[in-house]
Amino acid sequence: MLTTKWEKAALALLILLFLNSNAVTGLYPRAQTVTWKSTNFKTILTWEPLPTDYSYTVEFSVVSRDKQRNSNCIRISTTMCDLTSSLADMNACYVADVLSEPPLGVTSDLTEFPYISSSRFCPANETDIGRPDFKLEVSNYKNKTTLFVTEPLTALFKDGRQLNIRDIFLEKLYYKVTYRKNKSSGKKVFISKMSVIELTDLDQGESYCFNIQAFIPSRSSNKQLGELSQTQCSDDDKQSVFEDGAFSSKHEGGDRIAARQGMTLCSSSKCNEQPSSDDPWTTDAAAKLQSDQPIVYFYVQ
């Protein structure tokens, strides 16, 4: 039992010192370089730098809605937060704040903490689409090849089933097939709505090489094409002048390809031009996509 006022004062001082050692009154450094990284709807928010004597908390929301928190991203000592399961509406747009807070278990007398806001992120329009796998089947005379595309899986689940990109994009999803004769630099492009793709304009007995990538024409131009598949050839006994992955989606994205009735030629000086809004290709290709007609393009370098 305490018998003197001096003993009581000493105890009060010790309690005050203990509380002050577990409380913070100063400001913390604001996070920097907040970035959304998303592939096949696996969405990670990242930022810098690594914290020292503080932590980070992430708040997110649909644009103009109330903020929410992911339980795995509260007072963390890392610089990333997996928000895949938190972004429930793929067609909505989201923003996120990264707050600098005291470490877990430490109190503060601050009511607001420094934070930085992310840019807007719209999963359906901005997640990158990974490379598809495919198998090819060649007819006996090698004048027809059928490609069987395995549609890339996403990080999303519904009723216990993992969704693929077709489940998300439905009729908006196409596949772009780029193919050429083995040992040839001339390439053709075929656009298909289906994951089983038949190519019948092949020369009999010739070996062909193929690449496939997802194509979503409803997106902005820099997000329309997914990652390019690995190259597969119908005759592996002949060495190709191209290495695997030689078709560049970035290069092809700006090519002027084709116009009327499926196939035309373009010269090397024209292949890199962007089609203008009044270009016949624009209306013709759009009309074919709407009518479910396949589009075949041919161009040379």
C-alpha atoms as a PDB file:
ATOM      1  CA  MET A   1       0.000   0.000   0.000  1.00  0.00           C
ATOM      2  CA  LEU A   2       1.282   3.452  -0.858  1.00  0.00           C
ATOM      3  CA  THR A   3       1.786   5.496   2.293  1.00  0.00           C
ATOM      4  CA  THR A   4       3.138   8.806   1.068  1.00  0.00           C
ATOM      5  CA  LYS A   5       2.251  11.311  -1.593  1.00  0.00           C
ATOM      6  CA  TRP A   6       5.769  10.964  -2.980  1.00  0.00           C
ATOM      7  CA  GLU A   7       5.235   7.309  -3.727  1.00  0.00           C
ATOM      8  CA  LYS A   8       1.948   8.113  -5.470  1.00  0.00           C
ATOM      9  CA  ALA A   9       3.622  10.812  -7.584  1.00  0.00           C
ATOM     10  CA  ALA A  10       6.422   8.439  -8.561  1.00  0.00           C
ATOM     11  CA  LEU A  11       3.910   5.797  -9.687  1.00  0.00           C
ATOM     12  CA  ALA A  12       1.964   8.360 -11.719  1.00  0.00           C
ATOM     13  CA  LEU A  13       5.203   9.456 -13.410  1.00  0.00           C
ATOM     14  CA  LEU A  14       6.077   5.875 -14.329  1.00  0.00           C
ATOM     15  CA  ILE A  15       2.634   5.344 -15.858  1.00  0.00           C
ATOM     16  CA  LEU A  16       2.968   8.567 -17.867  1.00  0.00           C
ATOM     17  CA  LEU A  17       6.396   7.575 -19.163  1.00  0.00           C
ATOM     18  CA  PHE A  18       5.068   4.159 -20.220  1.00  0.00           C
ATOM     19  CA  LEU A  19       2.154   5.665 -22.115  1.00  0.00           C
ATOM     20  CA  ASN A  20       4.396   8.190 -23.865  1.00  0.00           C
ATOM     21  CA  SER A  21       6.731   5.408 -24.977  1.00  0.00           C
ATOM     22  CA  ASN A  22       3.825   3.762 -26.830  1.00  0.00           C
ATOM     23  CA  ALA A  23       2.328   6.918 -28.319  1.00  0.00           C
ATOM     24  CA  VAL A  24       3.348   9.055 -31.266  1.00  0.00           C
ATOM     25  CA  THR A  25       2.670  12.701 -31.866  1.00  0.00           C
ATOM     26  CA  GLY A  26       4.752  13.413 -34.985  1.00  0.00           C
ATOM     27  CA  LEU A  27       3.869  13.073 -38.687  1.00  0.00           C
ATOM     28  CA  TYR A  28       4.956  10.126 -40.837  1.00  0.00           C
ATOM     29  CA  PRO A  29       6.395  10.219 -44.362  1.00  0.00           C
ATOM     30  CA  ARG A  30       3.793  10.142 -47.073  1.00  0.00           C
ATOM     31  CA  ALA A  31       3.872   7.108 -49.415  1.00  0.00           C
ATOM     32  CA  GLN A  32       4.911   7.656 -53.027  1.00  0.00           C
ATOM     33  CA  THR A  33       4.504   6.079 -56.486  1.00  0.00           C
ATOM     34  CA  VAL A  34       1.174   4.346 -55.954  1.00  0.00           C
ATOM     35  CA  THR A  35       0.555   1.957 -58.852  1.00  0.00           C
ATOM     36  CA  TRP A  36      -2.127  -0.527 -59.874  1.00  0.00           C
ATOM     37  CA  LYS A  37      -0.768  -3.816 -61.261  1.00  0.00           C
ATOM     38  CA  SER A  38      -3.328  -6.207 -62.671  1.00  0.00           C
ATOM     39  CA  THR A  39      -3.188  -9.299 -64.897  1.00  0.00           C
ATOM     40  CA  ASN A  40      -6.220 -11.507 -65.539  1.00  0.00           C
ATOM     41  CA  PHE A  41      -7.983  -9.598 -62.732  1.00  0.00           C
ATOM     42  CA  LYS A  42      -5.308 -10.405 -60.164  1.00  0.00           C
ATOM     43  CA  THR A  43      -4.990  -6.843 -58.854  1.00  0.00           C
ATOM     44  CA  ILE A  44      -2.203  -5.562 -56.607  1.00  0.00           C
ATOM     45  CA  LEU A  45      -1.746  -2.000 -55.336  1.00  0.00           C
ATOM     46  CA  THR A  46       1.941  -1.092 -54.822  1.00  0.00           C
ATOM     47  CA  TRP A  47       3.797   1.955 -53.511  1.00  0.00           C
ATOM     48  CA  GLU A  48       7.105   3.153 -52.008  1.00  0.00           C
ATOM     49  CA  PRO A  49       9.133   3.308 -49.767  1.00  0.00           C
ATOM     50  CA  LEU A  50       9.446   0.516 -47.201  1.00  0.00           C
ATOM     51  CA  PRO A  51       8.420   1.885 -43.762  1.00  0.00           C
ATOM     52  CA  THR A  52      10.851   2.149 -40.853  1.00  0.00           C
ATOM     53  CA  ASP A  53       9.146   3.247 -37.625  1.00  0.00           C
ATOM     54  CA  TYR A  54       5.632   3.425 -39.076  1.00  0.00           C
ATOM     55  CA  SER A  55       3.165   1.324 -41.111  1.00  0.00           C
ATOM     56  CA  TYR A  56       0.695   1.598 -43.982  1.00  0.00           C
ATOM     57  CA  THR A  57      -3.052   1.147 -44.229  1.00  0.00           C
ATOM     58  CA  VAL A  58      -4.973   0.951 -47.511  1.00  0.00           C
ATOM     59  CA  GLU A  59      -8.462   2.324 -48.003  1.00  0.00           C
ATOM     60  CA  PHE A  60     -10.313   1.823 -51.289  1.00  0.00           C
ATOM     61  CA  SER A  61     -13.705   2.488 -52.802  1.00  0.00           C
ATOM     62  CA  VAL A  62     -15.724   2.621 -55.961  1.00  0.00           C
ATOM     63  CA  VAL A  63     -15.343   6.176 -57.265  1.00  0.00           C
ATOM     64  CA  SER A  64     -17.528   8.560 -55.199  1.00  0.00           C
ATOM     65  CA  ARG A  65     -18.538   5.825 -52.745  1.00  0.00           C
ATOM     66  CA  ASP A  66     -17.620   5.258 -49.077  1.00  0.00           C
ATOM     67  CA  LYS A  67     -14.114   4.025 -48.293  1.00  0.00           C
ATOM     68  CA  GLN A  68     -13.508   0.429 -47.243  1.00  0.00           C
ATOM     69  CA  ARG A  69     -10.558  -1.490 -45.820  1.00  0.00           C
ATOM     70  CA  ASN A  70      -9.122  -4.896 -46.597  1.00  0.00           C
ATOM     71  CA  SER A  71      -8.313  -6.685 -43.334  1.00  0.00           C
ATOM     72  CA  ASN A  72      -4.955  -7.848 -44.738  1.00  0.00           C
ATOM     73  CA  CYS A  73      -3.838  -4.287 -45.492  1.00  0.00           C
ATOM     74  CA  ILE A  74      -4.160  -2.540 -42.123  1.00  0.00           C
ATOM     75  CA  ARG A  75      -0.977  -1.275 -40.437  1.00  0.00           C
ATOM     76  CA  ILE A  76       1.273  -3.431 -42.607  1.00  0.00           C
ATOM     77  CA  SER A  77       5.036  -3.142 -42.990  1.00  0.00           C
ATOM     78  CA  THR A  78       5.107  -4.033 -46.705  1.00  0.00           C
ATOM     79  CA  THR A  79       4.479  -1.920 -49.814  1.00  0.00           C
ATOM     80  CA  MET A  80       1.777  -3.929 -51.559  1.00  0.00           C
ATOM     81  CA  CYS A  81      -1.863  -4.829 -51.006  1.00  0.00           C
ATOM     82  CA  ASP A  82      -3.742  -7.576 -52.859  1.00  0.00           C
ATOM     83  CA  LEU A  83      -7.191  -6.148 -53.614  1.00  0.00           C
ATOM     84  CA  THR A  84      -8.314  -8.920 -55.971  1.00  0.00           C
ATOM     85  CA  SER A  85     -11.107 -10.172 -53.743  1.00  0.00           C
ATOM     86  CA  SER A  86     -12.137  -6.655 -52.700  1.00  0.00           C
ATOM     87  CA  LEU A  87     -12.937  -5.309 -56.183  1.00  0.00           C
ATOM     88  CA  ALA A  88     -16.239  -7.145 -56.559  1.00  0.00           C
ATOM     89  CA  ASP A  89     -17.660  -5.223 -59.523  1.00  0.00           C
ATOM     90  CA  MET A  90     -15.354  -5.683 -62.504  1.00  0.00           C
ATOM     91  CA  ASN A  91     -17.162  -2.994 -64.498  1.00  0.00           C
ATOM     92  CA  ALA A  92     -16.792  -0.330 -61.811  1.00  0.00           C
ATOM     93  CA  CYS A  93     -13.864   2.077 -61.365  1.00  0.00           C
ATOM     94  CA  TYR A  94     -11.927   2.263 -58.101  1.00  0.00           C
ATOM     95  CA  VAL A  95      -9.582   4.601 -56.231  1.00  0.00           C
ATOM     96  CA  ALA A  96      -7.381   3.851 -53.218  1.00  0.00           C
ATOM     97  CA  ASP A  97      -5.584   5.792 -50.478  1.00  0.00           C
ATOM     98  CA  VAL A  98      -2.384   4.646 -48.773  1.00  0.00           C
ATOM     99  CA  LEU A  99      -2.185   6.075 -45.229  1.00  0.00           C
ATOM    100  CA  SER A 100       1.009   6.357 -43.174  1.00  0.00           C
ATOM    101  CA  GLU A 101       0.177   5.319 -39.601  1.00  0.00           C
ATOM    102  CA  PRO A 102       1.911   4.209 -36.384  1.00  0.00           C
ATOM    103  CA  PRO A 103       3.170   0.625 -36.239  1.00  0.00           C
ATOM    104  CA  LEU A 104       0.767  -2.029 -35.015  1.00  0.00           C
ATOM    105  CA  GLY A 105       0.291  -1.729 -31.253  1.00  0.00           C
ATOM    106  CA  VAL A 106       1.405   1.912 -31.048  1.00  0.00           C
ATOM    107  CA  THR A 107      -1.110   4.673 -30.345  1.00  0.00           C
ATOM    108  CA  SER A 108      -1.154   8.227 -31.638  1.00  0.00           C
ATOM    109  CA  ASP A 109      -2.935  11.446 -30.749  1.00  0.00           C
ATOM    110  CA  LEU A 110      -3.368  12.281 -34.450  1.00  0.00           C
ATOM    111  CA  THR A 111      -6.899  12.174 -35.861  1.00  0.00           C
ATOM    112  CA  GLU A 112      -5.801  12.243 -39.512  1.00  0.00           C
ATOM    113  CA  PHE A 113      -2.751  10.617 -41.044  1.00  0.00           C
ATOM    114  CA  PRO A 114      -0.738  11.537 -44.153  1.00  0.00           C
ATOM    115  CA  TYR A 115      -1.941   9.709 -47.256  1.00  0.00           C
ATOM    116  CA  ILE A 116      -1.562   9.543 -51.012  1.00  0.00           C
ATOM    117  CA  SER A 117      -4.320   8.716 -53.486  1.00  0.00           C
ATOM    118  CA  SER A 118      -4.047   6.385 -56.454  1.00  0.00           C
ATOM    119  CA  SER A 119      -5.198   7.003 -59.977  1.00  0.00           C
ATOM    120  CA  ARG A 120      -8.563   5.609 -61.036  1.00  0.00           C
ATOM    121  CA  PHE A 121      -8.535   1.891 -61.939  1.00  0.00           C
ATOM    122  CA  CYS A 122     -11.258   0.139 -63.953  1.00  0.00           C
ATOM    123  CA  PRO A 123     -10.603  -3.644 -63.941  1.00  0.00           C
ATOM    124  CA  ALA A 124     -12.641  -4.634 -67.011  1.00  0.00           C
ATOM    125  CA  ASN A 125     -10.945  -1.965 -69.132  1.00  0.00           C
ATOM    126  CA  GLU A 126      -7.420  -2.040 -67.735  1.00  0.00           C
ATOM    127  CA  THR A 127      -6.375  -5.446 -66.431  1.00  0.00           C
ATOM    128  CA  ASP A 128      -3.754  -7.012 -68.684  1.00  0.00           C
ATOM    129  CA  ILE A 129      -4.756 -10.257 -70.384  1.00  0.00           C
ATOM    130  CA  GLY A 130      -2.203 -13.055 -70.181  1.00  0.00           C
ATOM    131  CA  ARG A 131      -1.055 -15.250 -73.012  1.00  0.00           C
ATOM    132  CA  PRO A 132      -3.415 -18.021 -74.152  1.00  0.00           C
ATOM    133  CA  ASP A 133      -2.348 -21.598 -74.723  1.00  0.00           C
ATOM    134  CA  PHE A 134      -3.479 -23.419 -77.831  1.00  0.00           C
ATOM    135  CA  LYS A 135      -3.160 -26.693 -79.682  1.00  0.00           C
ATOM    136  CA  LEU A 136      -3.169 -27.051 -83.439  1.00  0.00           C
ATOM    137  CA  GLU A 137      -4.549 -29.800 -85.652  1.00  0.00           C
ATOM    138  CA  VAL A 138      -3.498 -29.988 -89.308  1.00  0.00           C
ATOM    139  CA  SER A 139      -5.486 -31.685 -92.061  1.00  0.00           C
ATOM    140  CA  ASN A 140      -3.850 -34.499 -94.039  1.00  0.00           C
ATOM    141  CA  TYR A 141      -2.990 -32.228 -96.965  1.00  0.00           C
ATOM    142  CA  LYS A 142      -1.969 -29.288 -94.770  1.00  0.00           C
ATOM    143  CA  ASN A 143      -4.435 -26.949 -96.447  1.00  0.00           C
ATOM    144  CA  LYS A 144      -6.471 -26.465 -93.269  1.00  0.00           C
ATOM    145  CA  THR A 145      -5.390 -25.963 -89.667  1.00  0.00           C
ATOM    146  CA  THR A 146      -7.644 -25.846 -86.614  1.00  0.00           C
ATOM    147  CA  LEU A 147      -6.480 -23.999 -83.505  1.00  0.00           C
ATOM    148  CA  PHE A 148      -7.968 -24.951 -80.133  1.00  0.00           C
ATOM    149  CA  VAL A 149      -7.515 -22.050 -77.716  1.00  0.00           C
ATOM    150  CA  THR A 150      -7.493 -22.597 -73.956  1.00  0.00           C
ATOM    151  CA  GLU A 151      -8.979 -19.379 -72.652  1.00  0.00           C
ATOM    152  CA  PRO A 152      -6.827 -17.837 -69.891  1.00  0.00           C
ATOM    153  CA  LEU A 153      -8.057 -18.281 -66.345  1.00  0.00           C
ATOM    154  CA  THR A 154      -8.652 -15.252 -64.156  1.00  0.00           C
ATOM    155  CA  ALA A 155      -8.089 -14.802 -60.422  1.00  0.00           C
ATOM    156  CA  LEU A 156     -11.863 -14.637 -59.902  1.00  0.00           C
ATOM    157  CA  PHE A 157     -14.198 -17.352 -58.657  1.00  0.00           C
ATOM    158  CA  LYS A 158     -17.964 -17.771 -58.771  1.00  0.00           C
ATOM    159  CA  ASP A 159     -19.905 -20.557 -57.049  1.00  0.00           C
ATOM    160  CA  GLY A 160     -16.644 -22.383 -56.423  1.00  0.00           C
ATOM    161  CA  ARG A 161     -15.549 -22.261 -60.090  1.00  0.00           C
ATOM    162  CA  GLN A 162     -12.554 -20.331 -61.382  1.00  0.00           C
ATOM    163  CA  LEU A 163     -13.646 -17.950 -64.142  1.00  0.00           C
ATOM    164  CA  ASN A 164     -11.852 -17.559 -67.462  1.00  0.00           C
ATOM    165  CA  ILE A 165     -11.693 -14.398 -69.530  1.00  0.00           C
ATOM    166  CA  ARG A 166     -14.661 -15.508 -71.668  1.00  0.00           C
ATOM    167  CA  ASP A 167     -16.811 -15.619 -68.530  1.00  0.00           C
ATOM    168  CA  ILE A 168     -15.975 -11.951 -67.922  1.00  0.00           C
ATOM    169  CA  PHE A 169     -15.898 -10.409 -71.405  1.00  0.00           C
ATOM    170  CA  LEU A 170     -18.522 -12.636 -73.079  1.00  0.00           C
ATOM    171  CA  GLU A 171     -19.214 -11.440 -76.644  1.00  0.00           C
ATOM    172  CA  LYS A 172     -16.640  -8.633 -76.345  1.00  0.00           C
ATOM    173  CA  LEU A 173     -13.782 -11.158 -76.522  1.00  0.00           C
ATOM    174  CA  TYR A 174     -12.123 -12.022 -79.834  1.00  0.00           C
ATOM    175  CA  TYR A 175      -8.872 -13.765 -80.690  1.00  0.00           C
ATOM    176  CA  LYS A 176      -6.280 -12.392 -83.071  1.00  0.00           C
ATOM    177  CA  VAL A 177      -4.319 -15.067 -84.934  1.00  0.00           C
ATOM    178  CA  THR A 178      -1.090 -14.043 -86.647  1.00  0.00           C
ATOM    179  CA  TYR A 179       0.371 -16.649 -88.978  1.00  0.00           C
ATOM    180  CA  ARG A 180       2.882 -17.060 -91.780  1.00  0.00           C
ATOM    181  CA  LYS A 181       4.531 -19.688 -93.892  1.00  0.00           C
ATOM    182  CA  ASN A 182       7.558 -21.194 -92.265  1.00  0.00           C
ATOM    183  CA  LYS A 183      10.714 -19.393 -93.530  1.00  0.00           C
ATOM    184  CA  SER A 184       8.582 -16.501 -94.821  1.00  0.00           C
ATOM    185  CA  SER A 185       8.346 -12.916 -93.592  1.00  0.00           C
ATOM    186  CA  GLY A 186       4.852 -12.288 -94.996  1.00  0.00           C
ATOM    187  CA  LYS A 187       2.180 -12.549 -92.312  1.00  0.00           C
ATOM    188  CA  LYS A 188      -1.588 -12.844 -92.222  1.00  0.00           C
ATOM    189  CA  VAL A 189      -3.998 -11.872 -89.442  1.00  0.00           C
ATOM    190  CA  PHE A 190      -7.285 -13.593 -88.711  1.00  0.00           C
ATOM    191  CA  ILE A 191      -9.838 -12.306 -86.173  1.00  0.00           C
ATOM    192  CA  SER A 192     -12.214 -14.823 -84.592  1.00  0.00           C
ATOM    193  CA  LYS A 193     -14.948 -14.696 -81.961  1.00  0.00           C
ATOM    194  CA  MET A 194     -14.518 -18.383 -81.221  1.00  0.00           C
ATOM    195  CA  SER A 195     -11.917 -20.349 -79.257  1.00  0.00           C
ATOM    196  CA  VAL A 196     -11.936 -23.064 -81.945  1.00  0.00           C
ATOM    197  CA  ILE A 197     -10.495 -21.403 -85.035  1.00  0.00           C
ATOM    198  CA  GLU A 198     -10.326 -22.923 -88.523  1.00  0.00           C
ATOM    199  CA  LEU A 199      -7.899 -21.502 -91.084  1.00  0.00           C
ATOM    200  CA  THR A 200      -8.638 -22.735 -94.597  1.00  0.00           C
ATOM    201  CA  ASP A 201      -6.696 -20.351 -96.841  1.00  0.00           C
ATOM    202  CA  LEU A 202      -3.452 -22.315 -96.423  1.00  0.00           C
ATOM    203  CA  ASP A 203      -1.310 -23.591 -99.259  1.00  0.00           C
ATOM    204  CA  GLN A 204      -1.320 -27.356 -99.539  1.00  0.00           C
ATOM    205  CA  GLY A 205       1.708 -29.096 -98.078  1.00  0.00           C
ATOM    206  CA  GLU A 206       3.179 -25.918 -96.568  1.00  0.00           C
ATOM    207  CA  SER A 207       4.337 -25.538 -92.977  1.00  0.00           C
ATOM    208  CA  TYR A 208       2.834 -22.575 -91.084  1.00  0.00           C
ATOM    209  CA  CYS A 209       3.630 -20.888 -87.769  1.00  0.00           C
ATOM    210  CA  PHE A 210       0.967 -19.360 -85.501  1.00  0.00           C
ATOM    211  CA  ASN A 211       0.608 -16.895 -82.629  1.00  0.00           C
ATOM    212  CA  ILE A 212      -2.610 -16.021 -80.781  1.00  0.00           C
ATOM    213  CA  GLN A 213      -3.596 -13.211 -78.439  1.00  0.00           C
ATOM    214  CA  ALA A 214      -6.827 -12.007 -76.882  1.00  0.00           C
ATOM    215  CA  PHE A 215      -8.380  -9.040 -78.677  1.00  0.00           C
ATOM    216  CA  ILE A 216     -11.012  -6.809 -77.029  1.00  0.00           C
ATOM    217  CA  PRO A 217     -11.932  -4.066 -79.537  1.00  0.00           C
ATOM    218  CA  SER A 218     -14.231  -2.279 -77.065  1.00  0.00           C
ATOM    219  CA  ARG A 219     -11.205  -1.212 -74.991  1.00  0.00           C
ATOM    220  CA  SER A 220      -8.891   1.731 -75.581  1.00  0.00           C
ATOM    221  CA  SER A 221      -6.297   1.034 -78.266  1.00  0.00           C
ATOM    222  CA  ASN A 222      -3.383   0.448 -75.879  1.00  0.00           C
ATOM    223  CA  LYS A 223      -5.362  -2.188 -73.935  1.00  0.00           C
ATOM    224  CA  GLN A 224      -7.066  -4.067 -76.769  1.00  0.00           C
ATOM    225  CA  LEU A 225      -4.465  -6.789 -77.235  1.00  0.00           C
ATOM    226  CA  GLY A 226      -3.439  -9.360 -74.648  1.00  0.00           C
ATOM    227  CA  GLU A 227      -0.045 -10.986 -74.254  1.00  0.00           C
ATOM    228  CA  LEU A 228       1.156 -12.883 -77.316  1.00  0.00           C
ATOM    229  CA  SER A 229       1.194 -16.668 -77.112  1.00  0.00           C
ATOM    230  CA  GLN A 230       4.230 -18.778 -77.771  1.00  0.00           C
ATOM    231  CA  THR A 231       4.806 -19.636 -81.428  1.00  0.00           C
ATOM    232  CA  GLN A 232       3.668 -23.033 -82.666  1.00  0.00           C
ATOM    233  CA  CYS A 233       4.414 -24.380 -86.126  1.00  0.00           C
ATOM    234  CA  SER A 234       2.644 -27.098 -88.063  1.00  0.00           C
ATOM    235  CA  ASP A 235       5.943 -28.715 -89.090  1.00  0.00           C
ATOM    236  CA  ASP A 236       8.690 -28.667 -86.497  1.00  0.00           C
ATOM    237  CA  ASP A 237      11.178 -30.418 -88.816  1.00  0.00           C
ATOM    238  CA  LYS A 238      11.787 -27.206 -90.770  1.00  0.00           C
ATOM    239  CA  GLN A 239      13.804 -24.481 -89.092  1.00  0.00           C
ATOM    240  CA  SER A 240      12.133 -21.086 -89.195  1.00  0.00           C
ATOM    241  CA  VAL A 241      13.826 -17.765 -89.856  1.00  0.00           C
ATOM    242  CA  PHE A 242      11.921 -16.419 -86.813  1.00  0.00           C
ATOM    243  CA  GLU A 243      12.468 -17.248 -83.177  1.00  0.00           C
ATOM    244  CA  ASP A 244       9.551 -18.036 -80.870  1.00  0.00           C
ATOM    245  CA  GLY A 245       7.632 -14.900 -80.014  1.00  0.00           C
ATOM    246  CA  ALA A 246       8.876 -13.053 -83.101  1.00  0.00           C
ATOM    247  CA  PHE A 247       5.499 -11.475 -83.829  1.00  0.00           C
ATOM    248  CA  SER A 248       5.369  -8.226 -81.892  1.00  0.00           C
ATOM    249  CA  SER A 249       1.929  -7.134 -80.745  1.00  0.00           C
ATOM    250  CA  LYS A 250       3.238  -3.602 -80.183  1.00  0.00           C
ATOM    251  CA  HIS A 251       4.488  -3.431 -83.769  1.00  0.00           C
ATOM    252  CA  GLU A 252       1.317  -4.863 -85.266  1.00  0.00           C
ATOM    253  CA  GLY A 253      -0.942  -2.602 -83.220  1.00  0.00           C
ATOM    254  CA  GLY A 254      -0.082   0.380 -85.432  1.00  0.00           C
ATOM    255  CA  ASP A 255      -0.145  -1.428 -88.804  1.00  0.00           C
ATOM    256  CA  ARG A 256      -2.540  -0.367 -91.513  1.00  0.00           C
ATOM    257  CA  ILE A 257      -4.053  -3.736 -92.267  1.00  0.00           C
ATOM    258  CA  ALA A 258      -6.639  -4.501 -94.824  1.00  0.00           C
ATOM    259  CA  ALA A 259      -9.848  -3.054 -95.934  1.00  0.00           C
ATOM    260  CA  ARG A 260     -12.456  -4.426 -98.257  1.00  0.00           C
ATOM    261  CA  GLN A 261     -13.611  -8.010 -98.635  1.00  0.00           C
ATOM    262  CA  GLY A 262     -11.085  -9.484 -96.255  1.00  0.00           C
ATOM    263  CA  MET A 263      -7.668  -9.046 -97.848  1.00  0.00           C
ATOM    264  CA  THR A 264      -5.443  -6.347 -99.354  1.00  0.00           C
ATOM    265  CA  LEU A 265      -1.767  -5.584 -99.583  1.00  0.00           C
ATOM    266  CA  CYS A 266       0.081  -2.682 -98.050  1.00  0.00           C
ATOM    267  CA  SER A 267       3.600  -1.479 -98.746  1.00  0.00           C
ATOM    268  CA  SER A 268       6.263  -1.237 -96.057  1.00  0.00           C
ATOM    269  CA  SER A 269       5.932   2.552 -96.069  1.00  0.00           C
ATOM    270  CA  LYS A 270       2.224   2.304 -95.298  1.00  0.00           C
ATOM    271  CA  CYS A 271       2.116  -0.566 -92.814  1.00  0.00           C
ATOM    272  CA  ASN A 272       3.014   1.586 -89.827  1.00  0.00           C
ATOM    273  CA  GLU A 273       0.468   4.325 -90.405  1.00  0.00           C
ATOM    274  CA  GLN A 274      -2.474   4.685 -88.036  1.00  0.00           C
ATOM    275  CA  PRO A 275      -5.818   4.410 -89.888  1.00  0.00           C
ATOM    276  CA  SER A 276      -7.727   7.663 -89.755  1.00  0.00           C
ATOM    277  CA  SER A 277     -11.323   7.944 -88.570  1.00  0.00           C
ATOM    278  CA  ASP A 278     -12.572   8.140 -92.172  1.00  0.00           C
ATOM    279  CA  ASP A 279     -10.397   5.262 -93.407  1.00  0.00           C
ATOM    280  CA  PRO A 280     -12.472   2.570 -95.212  1.00  0.00           C
ATOM    281  CA  TRP A 281     -10.776  -0.031 -92.967  1.00  0.00           C
ATOM    282  CA  THR A 282     -12.416   1.459 -89.880  1.00  0.00           C
ATOM    283  CA  THR A 283     -16.013   1.123 -90.990  1.00  0.00           C
ATOM    284  CA  ASP A 284     -15.464  -2.122 -92.903  1.00  0.00           C
ATOM    285  CA  ALA A 285     -13.744  -3.926 -90.027  1.00  0.00           C
ATOM    286  CA  ALA A 286     -16.271  -2.636 -87.495  1.00  0.00           C
ATOM    287  CA  ALA A 287     -19.131  -3.834 -89.681  1.00  0.00           C
ATOM    288  CA  LYS A 288     -17.583  -7.294 -89.969  1.00  0.00           C
ATOM    289  CA  LEU A 289     -17.122  -7.568 -86.228  1.00  0.00           C
ATOM    290  CA  GLN A 290     -20.774  -6.631 -85.704  1.00  0.00           C
ATOM    291  CA  SER A 291     -21.922  -9.203 -88.280  1.00  0.00           C
ATOM    292  CA  ASP A 292     -19.679 -11.979 -86.863  1.00  0.00           C
ATOM    293  CA  GLN A 293     -17.796 -12.299 -90.152  1.00  0.00           C
ATOM    294  CA  PRO A 294     -14.164 -13.348 -89.803  1.00  0.00           C
ATOM    295  CA  ILE A 295     -11.642 -10.729 -90.842  1.00  0.00           C
ATOM    296  CA  VAL A 296      -8.482 -11.769 -92.677  1.00  0.00           C
ATOM    297  CA  TYR A 297      -5.667  -9.276 -93.196  1.00  0.00           C
ATOM    298  CA  PHE A 298      -2.493  -9.689 -95.207  1.00  0.00           C
ATOM    299  CA  TYR A 299       0.514  -7.404 -95.119  1.00  0.00           C
ATOM    300  CA  VAL A 300       4.231  -7.557 -95.834  1.00  0.00           C
ATOM    301  CA  GLN A 301       7.250  -5.880 -94.288  1.00  0.00           C
END
